[in-house]
C-alpha atoms as a PDB file:
ATOM      1  CA  MET A   1     -27.928  -5.907  -2.435  1.00  0.00           C
ATOM      2  CA  THR A   2     -27.977  -2.955  -4.516  1.00  0.00           C
ATOM      3  CA  ASP A   3     -26.149   0.093  -4.091  1.00  0.00           C
ATOM      4  CA  PHE A   4     -27.656   2.673  -1.842  1.00  0.00           C
ATOM      5  CA  LEU A   5     -26.075   5.491  -3.363  1.00  0.00           C
ATOM      6  CA  SER A   6     -26.812   6.808  -7.030  1.00  0.00           C
ATOM      7  CA  PRO A   7     -24.056   6.346  -9.627  1.00  0.00           C
ATOM      8  CA  THR A   8     -23.061  10.145  -9.259  1.00  0.00           C
ATOM      9  CA  GLU A   9     -22.759   9.844  -5.392  1.00  0.00           C
ATOM     10  CA  ARG A  10     -20.948   6.473  -5.863  1.00  0.00           C
ATOM     11  CA  SER A  11     -18.407   8.243  -8.204  1.00  0.00           C
ATOM     12  CA  ASP A  12     -17.917  11.270  -6.022  1.00  0.00           C
ATOM     13  CA  ARG A  13     -17.182   8.982  -3.039  1.00  0.00           C
ATOM     14  CA  MET A  14     -14.828   6.801  -5.038  1.00  0.00           C
ATOM     15  CA  SER A  15     -12.864   9.937  -6.468  1.00  0.00           C
ATOM     16  CA  ARG A  16     -12.070  10.906  -2.729  1.00  0.00           C
ATOM     17  CA  ILE A  17     -10.003   7.778  -2.090  1.00  0.00           C
ATOM     18  CA  ARG A  18      -6.493   8.867  -1.863  1.00  0.00           C
ATOM     19  CA  GLY A  19      -3.336   7.316  -3.404  1.00  0.00           C
ATOM     20  CA  LYS A  20      -0.849   9.392  -1.534  1.00  0.00           C
ATOM     21  CA  ASP A  21      -0.486  10.586   2.183  1.00  0.00           C
ATOM     22  CA  THR A  22      -3.139   8.042   3.296  1.00  0.00           C
ATOM     23  CA  GLN A  23      -3.483   7.523   7.001  1.00  0.00           C
ATOM     24  CA  PRO A  24      -1.726   4.435   7.128  1.00  0.00           C
ATOM     25  CA  GLU A  25       1.245   5.872   5.044  1.00  0.00           C
ATOM     26  CA  LEU A  26       1.445   8.815   7.402  1.00  0.00           C
ATOM     27  CA  ALA A  27       1.503   6.542  10.463  1.00  0.00           C
ATOM     28  CA  LEU A  28       4.235   4.424   9.005  1.00  0.00           C
ATOM     29  CA  ARG A  29       6.443   7.461   7.923  1.00  0.00           C
ATOM     30  CA  LYS A  30       6.167   8.934  11.400  1.00  0.00           C
ATOM     31  CA  VAL A  31       7.361   5.730  13.069  1.00  0.00           C
ATOM     32  CA  LEU A  32      10.450   5.173  10.595  1.00  0.00           C
ATOM     33  CA  HIS A  33      11.402   8.758  10.888  1.00  0.00           C
ATOM     34  CA  ARG A  34      11.523   8.574  14.590  1.00  0.00           C
ATOM     35  CA  LEU A  35      13.656   5.579  14.181  1.00  0.00           C
ATOM     36  CA  GLY A  36      16.170   7.481  12.204  1.00  0.00           C
ATOM     37  CA  LEU A  37      15.513   6.306   8.687  1.00  0.00           C
ATOM     38  CA  ARG A  38      15.200   8.991   5.980  1.00  0.00           C
ATOM     39  CA  TYR A  39      13.469   8.322   2.889  1.00  0.00           C
ATOM     40  CA  ARG A  40      12.031   9.854  -0.322  1.00  0.00           C
ATOM     41  CA  LEU A  41       8.400   9.820  -1.172  1.00  0.00           C
ATOM     42  CA  HIS A  42       6.751   8.417  -4.318  1.00  0.00           C
ATOM     43  CA  VAL A  43       9.870   8.446  -6.574  1.00  0.00           C
ATOM     44  CA  ALA A  44       8.531   8.668 -10.279  1.00  0.00           C
ATOM     45  CA  GLU A  45      11.661   7.352 -11.672  1.00  0.00           C
ATOM     46  CA  LEU A  46      11.282   3.769 -10.237  1.00  0.00           C
ATOM     47  CA  PRO A  47       8.580   1.358 -11.321  1.00  0.00           C
ATOM     48  CA  GLY A  48       5.301   1.804  -9.382  1.00  0.00           C
ATOM     49  CA  LYS A  49       6.221   5.072  -7.689  1.00  0.00           C
ATOM     50  CA  PRO A  50       6.964   3.375  -4.415  1.00  0.00           C
ATOM     51  CA  ASP A  51       5.349   5.067  -1.297  1.00  0.00           C
ATOM     52  CA  LEU A  52       8.828   5.192   0.606  1.00  0.00           C
ATOM     53  CA  VAL A  53      12.336   4.741  -0.900  1.00  0.00           C
ATOM     54  CA  PHE A  54      15.276   4.499   0.902  1.00  0.00           C
ATOM     55  CA  PRO A  55      18.278   5.101  -1.527  1.00  0.00           C
ATOM     56  CA  ARG A  56      20.952   4.557   1.019  1.00  0.00           C
ATOM     57  CA  TYR A  57      19.781   0.914   1.628  1.00  0.00           C
ATOM     58  CA  ARG A  58      18.244   0.209  -1.959  1.00  0.00           C
ATOM     59  CA  THR A  59      15.096  -0.616  -0.534  1.00  0.00           C
ATOM     60  CA  VAL A  60      11.409   0.494  -1.077  1.00  0.00           C
ATOM     61  CA  VAL A  61       8.210   0.071   0.791  1.00  0.00           C
ATOM     62  CA  PHE A  62       4.658   0.088  -0.459  1.00  0.00           C
ATOM     63  CA  VAL A  63       1.966   0.854   1.794  1.00  0.00           C
ATOM     64  CA  HIS A  64      -1.087  -1.252   0.341  1.00  0.00           C
ATOM     65  CA  GLY A  65      -4.602  -1.004   1.239  1.00  0.00           C
ATOM     66  CA  CYS A  66      -5.895  -4.356   2.185  1.00  0.00           C
ATOM     67  CA  PHE A  67      -9.236  -3.923  -0.003  1.00  0.00           C
ATOM     68  CA  TRP A  68      -7.389  -2.717  -3.210  1.00  0.00           C
ATOM     69  CA  HIS A  69      -4.459  -5.005  -2.999  1.00  0.00           C
ATOM     70  CA  ARG A  70      -6.232  -7.997  -1.739  1.00  0.00           C
ATOM     71  CA  HIS A  71      -4.421  -8.818   1.555  1.00  0.00           C
ATOM     72  CA  ALA A  72      -4.932 -12.377   2.020  1.00  0.00           C
ATOM     73  CA  GLY A  73      -6.710 -13.563   5.005  1.00  0.00           C
ATOM     74  CA  CYS A  74      -7.641  -9.956   5.958  1.00  0.00           C
ATOM     75  CA  ASN A  75     -11.376  -8.758   7.132  1.00  0.00           C
ATOM     76  CA  VAL A  76     -10.810  -5.635   5.035  1.00  0.00           C
ATOM     77  CA  ALA A  77     -10.239  -7.641   1.842  1.00  0.00           C
ATOM     78  CA  THR A  78     -13.934  -8.220   0.982  1.00  0.00           C
ATOM     79  CA  THR A  79     -15.497  -8.439  -2.418  1.00  0.00           C
ATOM     80  CA  PRO A  80     -18.278  -6.191  -3.141  1.00  0.00           C
ATOM     81  CA  LYS A  81     -21.776  -7.870  -3.834  1.00  0.00           C
ATOM     82  CA  SER A  82     -22.686  -5.641  -6.599  1.00  0.00           C
ATOM     83  CA  ASN A  83     -20.951  -5.559  -9.952  1.00  0.00           C
ATOM     84  CA  THR A  84     -18.776  -8.529  -8.669  1.00  0.00           C
ATOM     85  CA  PRO A  85     -17.280  -9.361 -12.147  1.00  0.00           C
ATOM     86  CA  PHE A  86     -15.876  -5.760 -12.451  1.00  0.00           C
ATOM     87  CA  TRP A  87     -14.194  -5.786  -8.956  1.00  0.00           C
ATOM     88  CA  LEU A  88     -12.754  -9.215  -9.490  1.00  0.00           C
ATOM     89  CA  GLU A  89     -11.269  -8.145 -12.817  1.00  0.00           C
ATOM     90  CA  LYS A  90      -9.995  -4.894 -11.098  1.00  0.00           C
ATOM     91  CA  PHE A  91      -8.492  -6.779  -8.059  1.00  0.00           C
ATOM     92  CA  ASP A  92      -6.622  -9.158 -10.447  1.00  0.00           C
ATOM     93  CA  LYS A  93      -5.287  -6.396 -12.329  1.00  0.00           C
ATOM     94  CA  ASN A  94      -4.096  -4.638  -9.104  1.00  0.00           C
ATOM     95  CA  VAL A  95      -2.294  -7.785  -7.923  1.00  0.00           C
ATOM     96  CA  ALA A  96      -0.752  -8.573 -11.193  1.00  0.00           C
ATOM     97  CA  ARG A  97       0.483  -4.838 -11.417  1.00  0.00           C
ATOM     98  CA  ASP A  98       2.092  -5.269  -7.855  1.00  0.00           C
ATOM     99  CA  THR A  99       3.738  -8.440  -8.888  1.00  0.00           C
ATOM    100  CA  ARG A 100       5.141  -7.033 -12.094  1.00  0.00           C
ATOM    101  CA  VAL A 101       6.422  -3.837 -10.216  1.00  0.00           C
ATOM    102  CA  THR A 102       8.065  -5.896  -7.671  1.00  0.00           C
ATOM    103  CA  GLU A 103       9.874  -8.105 -10.302  1.00  0.00           C
ATOM    104  CA  GLN A 104      10.875  -5.016 -12.074  1.00  0.00           C
ATOM    105  CA  LEU A 105      12.353  -3.404  -8.851  1.00  0.00           C
ATOM    106  CA  GLU A 106      14.093  -6.462  -7.791  1.00  0.00           C
ATOM    107  CA  ALA A 107      15.635  -6.881 -11.401  1.00  0.00           C
ATOM    108  CA  LEU A 108      17.131  -3.277 -10.847  1.00  0.00           C
ATOM    109  CA  GLY A 109      18.632  -4.260  -7.527  1.00  0.00           C
ATOM    110  CA  TRP A 110      16.076  -2.894  -5.027  1.00  0.00           C
ATOM    111  CA  ARG A 111      14.630  -4.673  -2.098  1.00  0.00           C
ATOM    112  CA  VAL A 112      10.913  -4.684  -1.710  1.00  0.00           C
ATOM    113  CA  PHE A 113       8.656  -4.528   1.159  1.00  0.00           C
ATOM    114  CA  VAL A 114       4.922  -4.082   1.743  1.00  0.00           C
ATOM    115  CA  ALA A 115       3.250  -2.670   4.820  1.00  0.00           C
ATOM    116  CA  TRP A 116      -0.331  -3.582   4.797  1.00  0.00           C
ATOM    117  CA  GLU A 117      -3.155  -1.062   5.918  1.00  0.00           C
ATOM    118  CA  CYS A 118      -4.518  -3.328   8.790  1.00  0.00           C
ATOM    119  CA  GLU A 119      -0.926  -3.525  10.028  1.00  0.00           C
ATOM    120  CA  LEU A 120      -1.002   0.259  10.484  1.00  0.00           C
ATOM    121  CA  ALA A 121      -4.505   0.629  11.904  1.00  0.00           C
ATOM    122  CA  SER A 122      -3.397   1.793  15.280  1.00  0.00           C
ATOM    123  CA  MET A 123      -0.382   3.417  16.686  1.00  0.00           C
ATOM    124  CA  THR A 124       0.685   0.350  18.555  1.00  0.00           C
ATOM    125  CA  ARG A 125       0.358  -1.749  15.284  1.00  0.00           C
ATOM    126  CA  ALA A 126       2.066   0.959  13.368  1.00  0.00           C
ATOM    127  CA  ARG A 127       4.980   1.062  15.832  1.00  0.00           C
ATOM    128  CA  ALA A 128       5.464  -2.816  15.710  1.00  0.00           C
ATOM    129  CA  THR A 129       5.379  -2.831  11.808  1.00  0.00           C
ATOM    130  CA  GLY A 130       7.847   0.110  11.704  1.00  0.00           C
ATOM    131  CA  GLU A 131      10.282  -1.406  13.988  1.00  0.00           C
ATOM    132  CA  ARG A 132      10.169  -4.636  11.969  1.00  0.00           C
ATOM    133  CA  LEU A 133      10.457  -2.686   8.857  1.00  0.00           C
ATOM    134  CA  ASN A 134      13.356  -0.856  10.300  1.00  0.00           C
ATOM    135  CA  ALA A 135      15.138  -3.992  11.438  1.00  0.00           C
ATOM    136  CA  LEU A 136      14.556  -5.341   7.601  1.00  0.00           C
ATOM    137  CA  ILE A 137      15.749  -2.297   6.010  1.00  0.00           C
ATOM    138  CA  ARG A 138      19.003  -1.899   8.017  1.00  0.00           C
ATOM    139  CA  GLN A 139      20.031  -5.539   7.282  1.00  0.00           C
END
């Protein structure tokens, strides 16, 4: 199947994909804040600039998009039909980077957790994910 958008339109659409303050990230932040956890955002001094940093607990949380970070078994993590080799290479690099960053953070003494986009899709799911992370972070 060919792309129904021109290269310029596709480029414009892709450029609008945000890396910070996404809806899933905002939903998780809201839940964790209500549970009394305080955090810093996107700390540049740490490898990978984690989405949420809990210095008191030496813990970081990444909010990963299922498509971009290849959430195993998730319906959102599809592979595009056009330009497939490009996408497969991009996804492999993303996953390799995620693994490398996690190893670097753990070597520095940080605990690393990941919240997936599909786990934050509704407020009910975001609340459940936030409560699970709250328990893990406070351990």
